[in-house]
Amino acid sequence: MFAPLDYFVDKSEEIKLFSNPKIAQRNAKKYDLDLVFSPRKNKKYRIYNPLTNKFVDFGSMLYKDYTATQDLVKLEAFKKRNAKWYNSMKYSPAWLSAWILWN
């Protein structure tokens, strides 16, 4: 399993402008995923994909997600715009964003 959320990169203050790490972590645990901050400058989080033995970075640092805004209007707009993401392959950036950041 992974180290604590802030182990790889300390984005703890910067990321709070765009996401709520506690909510994202809680959502990830529903799917038995360990979430860490992404070392990539433009991504929020990272998970490990055991099927490919690779890391997957997801969530753009340019936009707020539902964990940060809790705005139902934005949530509905996201779901309409990205409905197919909810049926993507597990561990894909689209699936992770839909189920962890926008659910």
N, C-alpha and C. Protein backbone atom coordinates (compact mmCIF):
# COMPACT_ATOMS: atom_id res chain seq x y z
N MET A 1 0.83 -1.19 0.00
CA MET A 1 0.00 0.00 0.00
C MET A 1 0.87 1.25 0.00
N PHE A 2 0.23 2.35 -0.32
CA PHE A 2 0.93 3.62 -0.42
C PHE A 2 1.24 4.24 0.93
N ALA A 3 2.13 5.18 0.88
CA ALA A 3 2.44 6.03 2.04
C ALA A 3 1.31 7.05 2.19
N PRO A 4 1.34 7.86 3.23
CA PRO A 4 0.30 8.89 3.41
C PRO A 4 0.17 9.80 2.19
N LEU A 5 -0.97 10.46 2.12
CA LEU A 5 -1.32 11.30 0.97
C LEU A 5 -0.24 12.29 0.58
N ASP A 6 0.44 12.88 1.54
CA ASP A 6 1.41 13.92 1.23
C ASP A 6 2.84 13.40 1.10
N TYR A 7 3.03 12.10 0.99
CA TYR A 7 4.37 11.52 0.96
C TYR A 7 5.19 11.93 -0.27
N PHE A 8 4.62 11.82 -1.45
CA PHE A 8 5.40 12.05 -2.67
C PHE A 8 5.69 13.52 -2.93
N VAL A 9 4.69 14.34 -2.87
CA VAL A 9 4.85 15.76 -3.17
C VAL A 9 3.99 16.53 -2.18
N ASP A 10 4.52 17.62 -1.66
CA ASP A 10 3.72 18.40 -0.72
C ASP A 10 2.94 19.46 -1.49
N LYS A 11 1.75 19.07 -1.92
CA LYS A 11 0.83 19.98 -2.59
C LYS A 11 -0.31 20.34 -1.65
N SER A 12 -0.16 20.01 -0.38
CA SER A 12 -1.27 20.09 0.56
C SER A 12 -1.93 21.46 0.62
N GLU A 13 -1.20 22.52 0.50
CA GLU A 13 -1.81 23.86 0.53
C GLU A 13 -2.28 24.30 -0.85
N GLU A 14 -1.47 24.08 -1.86
CA GLU A 14 -1.82 24.49 -3.22
C GLU A 14 -3.07 23.77 -3.73
N ILE A 15 -3.16 22.49 -3.43
CA ILE A 15 -4.26 21.69 -3.97
C ILE A 15 -5.59 22.09 -3.36
N LYS A 16 -5.60 22.64 -2.16
CA LYS A 16 -6.85 23.03 -1.49
C LYS A 16 -7.59 24.13 -2.25
N LEU A 17 -6.91 24.79 -3.17
CA LEU A 17 -7.57 25.79 -4.02
C LEU A 17 -8.44 25.12 -5.08
N PHE A 18 -8.14 23.85 -5.38
CA PHE A 18 -8.79 23.16 -6.50
C PHE A 18 -9.50 21.88 -6.12
N SER A 19 -9.23 21.34 -4.94
CA SER A 19 -9.79 20.06 -4.55
C SER A 19 -9.77 19.93 -3.04
N ASN A 20 -10.54 19.00 -2.52
CA ASN A 20 -10.53 18.71 -1.09
C ASN A 20 -9.93 17.32 -0.91
N PRO A 21 -8.65 17.25 -0.50
CA PRO A 21 -7.98 15.95 -0.39
C PRO A 21 -8.67 14.96 0.54
N LYS A 22 -9.30 15.43 1.59
CA LYS A 22 -9.96 14.51 2.52
C LYS A 22 -11.15 13.81 1.85
N ILE A 23 -11.93 14.57 1.10
CA ILE A 23 -13.06 13.98 0.40
C ILE A 23 -12.57 13.04 -0.71
N ALA A 24 -11.56 13.48 -1.44
CA ALA A 24 -11.00 12.64 -2.51
C ALA A 24 -10.46 11.33 -1.94
N GLN A 25 -9.79 11.41 -0.80
CA GLN A 25 -9.25 10.21 -0.15
C GLN A 25 -10.38 9.27 0.28
N ARG A 26 -11.44 9.84 0.84
CA ARG A 26 -12.59 9.04 1.26
C ARG A 26 -13.24 8.34 0.05
N ASN A 27 -13.39 9.08 -1.05
CA ASN A 27 -13.95 8.49 -2.27
C ASN A 27 -13.06 7.38 -2.82
N ALA A 28 -11.76 7.57 -2.77
CA ALA A 28 -10.82 6.56 -3.28
C ALA A 28 -10.90 5.29 -2.45
N LYS A 29 -11.07 5.43 -1.16
CA LYS A 29 -11.14 4.26 -0.28
C LYS A 29 -12.35 3.39 -0.59
N LYS A 30 -13.42 3.98 -1.13
CA LYS A 30 -14.60 3.20 -1.52
C LYS A 30 -14.24 2.14 -2.57
N TYR A 31 -13.19 2.41 -3.32
CA TYR A 31 -12.76 1.51 -4.40
C TYR A 31 -11.43 0.84 -4.07
N ASP A 32 -11.06 0.85 -2.79
CA ASP A 32 -9.80 0.26 -2.32
C ASP A 32 -8.59 0.83 -3.05
N LEU A 33 -8.60 2.13 -3.28
CA LEU A 33 -7.49 2.81 -3.94
C LEU A 33 -6.76 3.68 -2.92
N ASP A 34 -5.45 3.68 -3.02
CA ASP A 34 -4.63 4.55 -2.19
C ASP A 34 -4.26 5.77 -3.01
N LEU A 35 -4.61 6.92 -2.50
CA LEU A 35 -4.43 8.18 -3.22
C LEU A 35 -3.24 8.93 -2.66
N VAL A 36 -2.39 9.45 -3.54
CA VAL A 36 -1.29 10.33 -3.14
C VAL A 36 -1.32 11.55 -4.05
N PHE A 37 -0.65 12.60 -3.63
CA PHE A 37 -0.52 13.77 -4.49
C PHE A 37 0.37 13.42 -5.66
N SER A 38 0.02 13.91 -6.82
CA SER A 38 0.81 13.63 -8.02
C SER A 38 2.08 14.47 -8.02
N PRO A 39 3.20 13.88 -8.42
CA PRO A 39 4.42 14.67 -8.57
C PRO A 39 4.41 15.53 -9.83
N ARG A 40 3.45 15.26 -10.72
CA ARG A 40 3.33 16.07 -11.94
C ARG A 40 2.70 17.41 -11.59
N LYS A 41 3.29 18.46 -12.06
CA LYS A 41 2.87 19.82 -11.73
C LYS A 41 1.41 20.09 -12.09
N ASN A 42 0.95 19.55 -13.20
CA ASN A 42 -0.39 19.87 -13.70
C ASN A 42 -1.47 18.88 -13.27
N LYS A 43 -1.13 17.91 -12.43
CA LYS A 43 -2.10 16.91 -11.98
C LYS A 43 -2.26 16.96 -10.46
N LYS A 44 -3.45 16.57 -10.00
CA LYS A 44 -3.75 16.63 -8.56
C LYS A 44 -3.31 15.37 -7.81
N TYR A 45 -3.74 14.23 -8.31
CA TYR A 45 -3.56 12.98 -7.57
C TYR A 45 -2.95 11.88 -8.42
N ARG A 46 -2.52 10.83 -7.71
CA ARG A 46 -1.92 9.67 -8.36
C ARG A 46 -2.40 8.41 -7.63
N ILE A 47 -2.66 7.37 -8.40
CA ILE A 47 -2.94 6.06 -7.83
C ILE A 47 -2.06 5.04 -8.56
N TYR A 48 -1.95 3.87 -7.96
CA TYR A 48 -1.20 2.78 -8.57
C TYR A 48 -2.18 1.82 -9.21
N ASN A 49 -1.95 1.48 -10.47
CA ASN A 49 -2.79 0.53 -11.19
C ASN A 49 -2.12 -0.85 -11.11
N PRO A 50 -2.68 -1.77 -10.31
CA PRO A 50 -2.05 -3.09 -10.17
C PRO A 50 -2.15 -3.95 -11.44
N LEU A 51 -3.04 -3.60 -12.35
CA LEU A 51 -3.18 -4.38 -13.59
C LEU A 51 -2.03 -4.12 -14.55
N THR A 52 -1.50 -2.90 -14.53
CA THR A 52 -0.41 -2.55 -15.45
C THR A 52 0.90 -2.29 -14.71
N ASN A 53 0.86 -2.30 -13.39
CA ASN A 53 2.04 -1.98 -12.57
C ASN A 53 2.59 -0.59 -12.87
N LYS A 54 1.66 0.34 -13.13
CA LYS A 54 2.05 1.72 -13.42
C LYS A 54 1.23 2.68 -12.56
N PHE A 55 1.75 3.89 -12.45
CA PHE A 55 1.02 4.94 -11.75
C PHE A 55 0.13 5.69 -12.73
N VAL A 56 -1.00 6.16 -12.25
CA VAL A 56 -1.92 6.94 -13.07
C VAL A 56 -2.14 8.28 -12.37
N ASP A 57 -1.82 9.36 -13.08
CA ASP A 57 -2.03 10.71 -12.57
C ASP A 57 -3.31 11.25 -13.18
N PHE A 58 -4.10 11.97 -12.37
CA PHE A 58 -5.37 12.47 -12.87
C PHE A 58 -5.78 13.73 -12.13
N GLY A 59 -6.75 14.43 -12.69
CA GLY A 59 -7.28 15.65 -12.10
C GLY A 59 -6.43 16.86 -12.45
N SER A 60 -6.93 17.73 -13.28
CA SER A 60 -6.17 18.90 -13.70
C SER A 60 -6.09 19.94 -12.58
N MET A 61 -4.89 20.48 -12.39
CA MET A 61 -4.68 21.53 -11.39
C MET A 61 -5.19 22.88 -11.87
N LEU A 62 -5.74 22.93 -13.07
CA LEU A 62 -6.27 24.19 -13.59
C LEU A 62 -7.72 24.44 -13.19
N TYR A 63 -8.40 23.39 -12.71
CA TYR A 63 -9.83 23.49 -12.45
C TYR A 63 -10.21 22.96 -11.08
N LYS A 64 -11.23 23.55 -10.51
CA LYS A 64 -11.80 23.03 -9.27
C LYS A 64 -12.67 21.83 -9.60
N ASP A 65 -12.67 20.86 -8.72
CA ASP A 65 -13.54 19.71 -8.90
C ASP A 65 -14.66 19.76 -7.86
N TYR A 66 -15.54 18.78 -7.91
CA TYR A 66 -16.71 18.77 -7.03
C TYR A 66 -16.33 18.64 -5.56
N THR A 67 -15.20 18.00 -5.27
CA THR A 67 -14.80 17.87 -3.87
C THR A 67 -14.51 19.24 -3.26
N ALA A 68 -14.12 20.19 -4.09
CA ALA A 68 -13.82 21.54 -3.60
C ALA A 68 -15.04 22.44 -3.61
N THR A 69 -15.85 22.34 -4.64
CA THR A 69 -16.95 23.30 -4.80
C THR A 69 -18.25 22.86 -4.15
N GLN A 70 -18.53 21.56 -4.19
CA GLN A 70 -19.81 21.03 -3.72
C GLN A 70 -20.98 21.74 -4.41
N ASP A 71 -20.74 22.19 -5.64
CA ASP A 71 -21.72 22.93 -6.42
C ASP A 71 -22.50 21.93 -7.29
N LEU A 72 -23.77 21.76 -6.97
CA LEU A 72 -24.59 20.78 -7.70
C LEU A 72 -24.81 21.15 -9.16
N VAL A 73 -24.86 22.43 -9.47
CA VAL A 73 -25.02 22.87 -10.86
C VAL A 73 -23.79 22.44 -11.67
N LYS A 74 -22.60 22.67 -11.11
CA LYS A 74 -21.37 22.26 -11.80
C LYS A 74 -21.28 20.73 -11.90
N LEU A 75 -21.76 20.05 -10.86
CA LEU A 75 -21.74 18.59 -10.89
C LEU A 75 -22.62 18.06 -12.03
N GLU A 76 -23.81 18.59 -12.15
CA GLU A 76 -24.71 18.16 -13.22
C GLU A 76 -24.13 18.49 -14.60
N ALA A 77 -23.52 19.65 -14.73
CA ALA A 77 -22.90 20.02 -16.01
C ALA A 77 -21.76 19.06 -16.34
N PHE A 78 -20.95 18.71 -15.34
CA PHE A 78 -19.86 17.76 -15.55
C PHE A 78 -20.41 16.41 -15.99
N LYS A 79 -21.46 15.94 -15.30
CA LYS A 79 -22.02 14.63 -15.63
C LYS A 79 -22.59 14.60 -17.05
N LYS A 80 -23.21 15.69 -17.48
CA LYS A 80 -23.73 15.74 -18.86
C LYS A 80 -22.59 15.76 -19.87
N ARG A 81 -21.57 16.55 -19.58
CA ARG A 81 -20.45 16.71 -20.48
C ARG A 81 -19.61 15.43 -20.57
N ASN A 82 -19.50 14.72 -19.47
CA ASN A 82 -18.58 13.59 -19.40
C ASN A 82 -19.26 12.29 -18.99
N ALA A 83 -20.48 12.08 -19.41
CA ALA A 83 -21.25 10.90 -19.01
C ALA A 83 -20.49 9.60 -19.31
N LYS A 84 -19.79 9.55 -20.42
CA LYS A 84 -19.09 8.32 -20.80
C LYS A 84 -17.94 7.99 -19.84
N TRP A 85 -17.44 8.97 -19.11
CA TRP A 85 -16.34 8.73 -18.18
C TRP A 85 -16.73 7.75 -17.09
N TYR A 86 -17.99 7.76 -16.70
CA TYR A 86 -18.44 6.89 -15.62
C TYR A 86 -18.39 5.42 -16.00
N ASN A 87 -18.33 5.14 -17.29
CA ASN A 87 -18.25 3.76 -17.79
C ASN A 87 -16.87 3.41 -18.34
N SER A 88 -15.89 4.28 -18.13
CA SER A 88 -14.53 4.03 -18.61
C SER A 88 -13.92 2.86 -17.84
N MET A 89 -12.79 2.40 -18.33
CA MET A 89 -12.07 1.33 -17.63
C MET A 89 -11.59 1.83 -16.27
N LYS A 90 -11.73 0.97 -15.26
CA LYS A 90 -11.23 1.33 -13.93
C LYS A 90 -9.73 1.61 -14.05
N TYR A 91 -9.26 2.57 -13.33
CA TYR A 91 -7.87 3.03 -13.29
C TYR A 91 -7.53 3.99 -14.43
N SER A 92 -8.45 4.25 -15.34
CA SER A 92 -8.16 5.25 -16.36
C SER A 92 -8.32 6.63 -15.72
N PRO A 93 -7.62 7.64 -16.21
CA PRO A 93 -7.78 8.98 -15.64
C PRO A 93 -9.23 9.47 -15.69
N ALA A 94 -9.95 9.11 -16.75
CA ALA A 94 -11.35 9.53 -16.87
C ALA A 94 -12.19 8.89 -15.76
N TRP A 95 -12.04 7.60 -15.57
CA TRP A 95 -12.80 6.90 -14.52
C TRP A 95 -12.46 7.45 -13.14
N LEU A 96 -11.19 7.65 -12.89
CA LEU A 96 -10.75 8.17 -11.58
C LEU A 96 -11.32 9.57 -11.32
N SER A 97 -11.29 10.41 -12.33
CA SER A 97 -11.85 11.75 -12.17
C SER A 97 -13.36 11.69 -11.90
N ALA A 98 -14.06 10.87 -12.66
CA ALA A 98 -15.50 10.78 -12.51
C ALA A 98 -15.91 10.26 -11.14
N TRP A 99 -15.27 9.18 -10.68
CA TRP A 99 -15.71 8.52 -9.45
C TRP A 99 -15.06 9.07 -8.18
N ILE A 100 -13.89 9.67 -8.30
CA ILE A 100 -13.23 10.19 -7.10
C ILE A 100 -13.41 11.70 -6.94
N LEU A 101 -13.30 12.43 -8.03
CA LEU A 101 -13.37 13.89 -7.92
C LEU A 101 -14.75 14.47 -8.19
N TRP A 102 -15.58 13.73 -8.90
CA TRP A 102 -16.90 14.26 -9.30
C TRP A 102 -18.05 13.37 -8.87
N ASN A 103 -17.94 12.74 -7.73
CA ASN A 103 -19.01 11.89 -7.26
C ASN A 103 -19.32 12.15 -5.81
